[in-house]
Amino acid sequence: QVHLVESGGGLVQAGGSLRLSCAVSGRTFRRYAMGWFRQAPGREREFVAAITWNGSWTAYADSVKGRFTISSDNAENTVYLQMNNVKPEDTAVYYCNGVDGLAPALDYWGQGTQVTVSS
């Protein structure tokens, strides 16, 4: 089983920055590319960004292109999401997961990390 632990969320003003971390462990986690998803109140969970462990492929939702950057640290088994120029509409609980294309690959989720952007 793959274990996912997200951290780094918090309260930030619009235009500010945050860096989220996802610590990944388990016997099979390198089988998957990794991604970030988010869920705002009253909305469905949505794809944000994804990356392969060697960094050769990345993908972003249109809403975050040019503002967010996903990266991976193979030595630390950690995936990051650098969030710059955040907007109030980025407010959500952020989760990481393995990805299959742009869809979550695992049928379970970590606890997520709350990001709140004030205007």
Protein backbone atom coordinates (compact mmCIF):
# COMPACT_ATOMS: atom_id res chain seq x y z
CA GLN A 1 0.00 0.00 0.00
CA VAL A 2 1.10 3.57 -0.70
CA HIS A 3 1.11 6.02 2.20
CA LEU A 4 0.55 9.72 1.55
CA VAL A 5 1.15 12.55 4.01
CA GLU A 6 0.46 16.10 2.88
CA SER A 7 1.69 19.21 4.68
CA GLY A 8 2.48 22.87 4.18
CA GLY A 9 -0.95 24.40 3.93
CA GLY A 10 -2.05 27.51 5.76
CA LEU A 11 -3.56 30.96 5.48
CA VAL A 12 -2.03 33.26 2.88
CA GLN A 13 -3.02 36.56 1.31
CA ALA A 14 -3.90 36.79 -2.35
CA GLY A 15 -0.73 37.22 -4.37
CA GLY A 16 1.35 35.31 -1.84
CA SER A 17 3.07 31.93 -2.00
CA LEU A 18 2.98 28.56 -0.30
CA ARG A 19 4.82 25.29 -0.81
CA LEU A 20 3.00 22.05 -0.20
CA SER A 21 4.77 18.76 0.45
CA CYS A 22 3.64 15.19 -0.03
CA ALA A 23 5.71 12.49 1.65
CA VAL A 24 5.19 9.18 -0.09
CA SER A 25 6.08 5.70 1.15
CA GLY A 26 5.15 2.08 0.57
CA ARG A 27 6.36 -0.76 -1.53
CA THR A 28 4.75 0.22 -4.81
CA PHE A 29 4.67 4.00 -4.87
CA ARG A 30 7.19 4.34 -7.70
CA ARG A 31 4.80 2.47 -9.92
CA TYR A 32 2.82 5.74 -10.21
CA ALA A 33 3.42 9.22 -11.42
CA MET A 34 2.28 11.58 -8.67
CA GLY A 35 -0.23 14.37 -8.67
CA TRP A 36 -1.95 17.04 -6.63
CA PHE A 37 -5.68 17.42 -6.44
CA ARG A 38 -7.86 19.87 -4.54
CA GLN A 39 -11.38 20.05 -3.22
CA ALA A 40 -13.11 23.31 -2.39
CA PRO A 41 -16.24 23.42 -0.20
CA GLY A 42 -19.28 22.25 -2.12
CA ARG A 43 -17.25 21.23 -5.14
CA GLU A 44 -15.86 17.99 -6.50
CA ARG A 45 -12.21 17.13 -6.14
CA GLU A 46 -10.24 18.33 -9.17
CA PHE A 47 -6.87 17.73 -10.76
CA VAL A 48 -4.19 20.38 -10.17
CA ALA A 49 -0.81 19.06 -11.35
CA ALA A 50 1.15 15.85 -11.95
CA ILE A 51 4.74 14.72 -12.43
CA THR A 52 6.72 11.57 -13.04
CA TRP A 53 9.36 10.72 -10.45
CA ASN A 54 12.15 11.51 -12.90
CA GLY A 55 10.55 14.84 -13.80
CA SER A 56 10.37 14.02 -17.50
CA TRP A 57 6.63 14.75 -17.67
CA THR A 58 4.49 17.32 -15.96
CA ALA A 59 0.90 18.42 -16.44
CA TYR A 60 -1.15 21.28 -15.02
CA ALA A 61 -4.74 22.33 -14.86
CA ASP A 62 -5.37 25.46 -16.93
CA SER A 63 -6.40 27.34 -13.80
CA VAL A 64 -2.93 27.03 -12.24
CA LYS A 65 -0.61 27.14 -15.27
CA GLY A 66 2.07 29.77 -14.87
CA ARG A 67 1.42 30.09 -11.12
CA PHE A 68 1.99 26.61 -9.65
CA THR A 69 5.01 24.36 -10.13
CA ILE A 70 5.15 20.67 -9.25
CA SER A 71 8.46 18.99 -8.48
CA SER A 72 9.73 15.74 -7.03
CA ASP A 73 12.67 14.76 -4.84
CA ASN A 74 13.59 11.16 -5.43
CA ALA A 75 15.98 10.99 -2.49
CA GLU A 76 13.32 12.22 -0.08
CA ASN A 77 10.39 10.45 -1.76
CA THR A 78 8.55 13.75 -1.66
CA VAL A 79 6.48 15.67 -4.16
CA TYR A 80 6.10 19.42 -3.85
CA LEU A 81 3.66 21.98 -5.13
CA GLN A 82 4.99 25.52 -5.23
CA MET A 83 2.04 27.89 -5.31
CA ASN A 84 2.76 31.46 -6.38
CA ASN A 85 0.44 34.38 -6.97
CA VAL A 86 -2.35 32.54 -5.20
CA LYS A 87 -5.95 33.62 -5.61
CA PRO A 88 -9.01 33.26 -3.36
CA GLU A 89 -10.32 30.60 -5.74
CA ASP A 90 -7.30 28.45 -4.86
CA THR A 91 -8.81 27.95 -1.40
CA ALA A 92 -9.31 24.21 -0.93
CA VAL A 93 -8.04 21.10 0.77
CA TYR A 94 -5.09 19.84 -1.26
CA TYR A 95 -4.35 16.14 -1.62
CA CYS A 96 -1.68 14.13 -3.35
CA ASN A 97 -2.20 10.78 -5.00
CA GLY A 98 -0.74 8.55 -7.63
CA VAL A 99 -2.04 9.42 -11.08
CA ASP A 100 -3.22 7.45 -14.07
CA GLY A 101 -3.14 10.08 -16.78
CA LEU A 102 -4.77 13.00 -15.00
CA ALA A 103 -7.01 10.88 -12.78
CA PRO A 104 -6.23 9.57 -9.30
CA ALA A 105 -4.71 6.11 -9.40
CA LEU A 106 -5.39 5.10 -5.80
CA ASP A 107 -8.84 4.64 -4.35
CA TYR A 108 -7.91 6.23 -1.03
CA TRP A 109 -6.61 9.61 0.10
CA GLY A 110 -4.43 11.10 2.77
CA GLN A 111 -5.68 13.70 5.24
CA GLY A 112 -4.94 16.57 2.88
CA THR A 113 -3.69 20.02 3.79
CA GLN A 114 -5.91 23.11 3.97
CA VAL A 115 -5.01 26.16 1.91
CA THR A 116 -6.96 29.33 2.57
CA VAL A 117 -6.35 32.44 0.47
CA SER A 118 -7.68 35.72 1.78
CA SER A 119 -8.52 38.60 -0.52
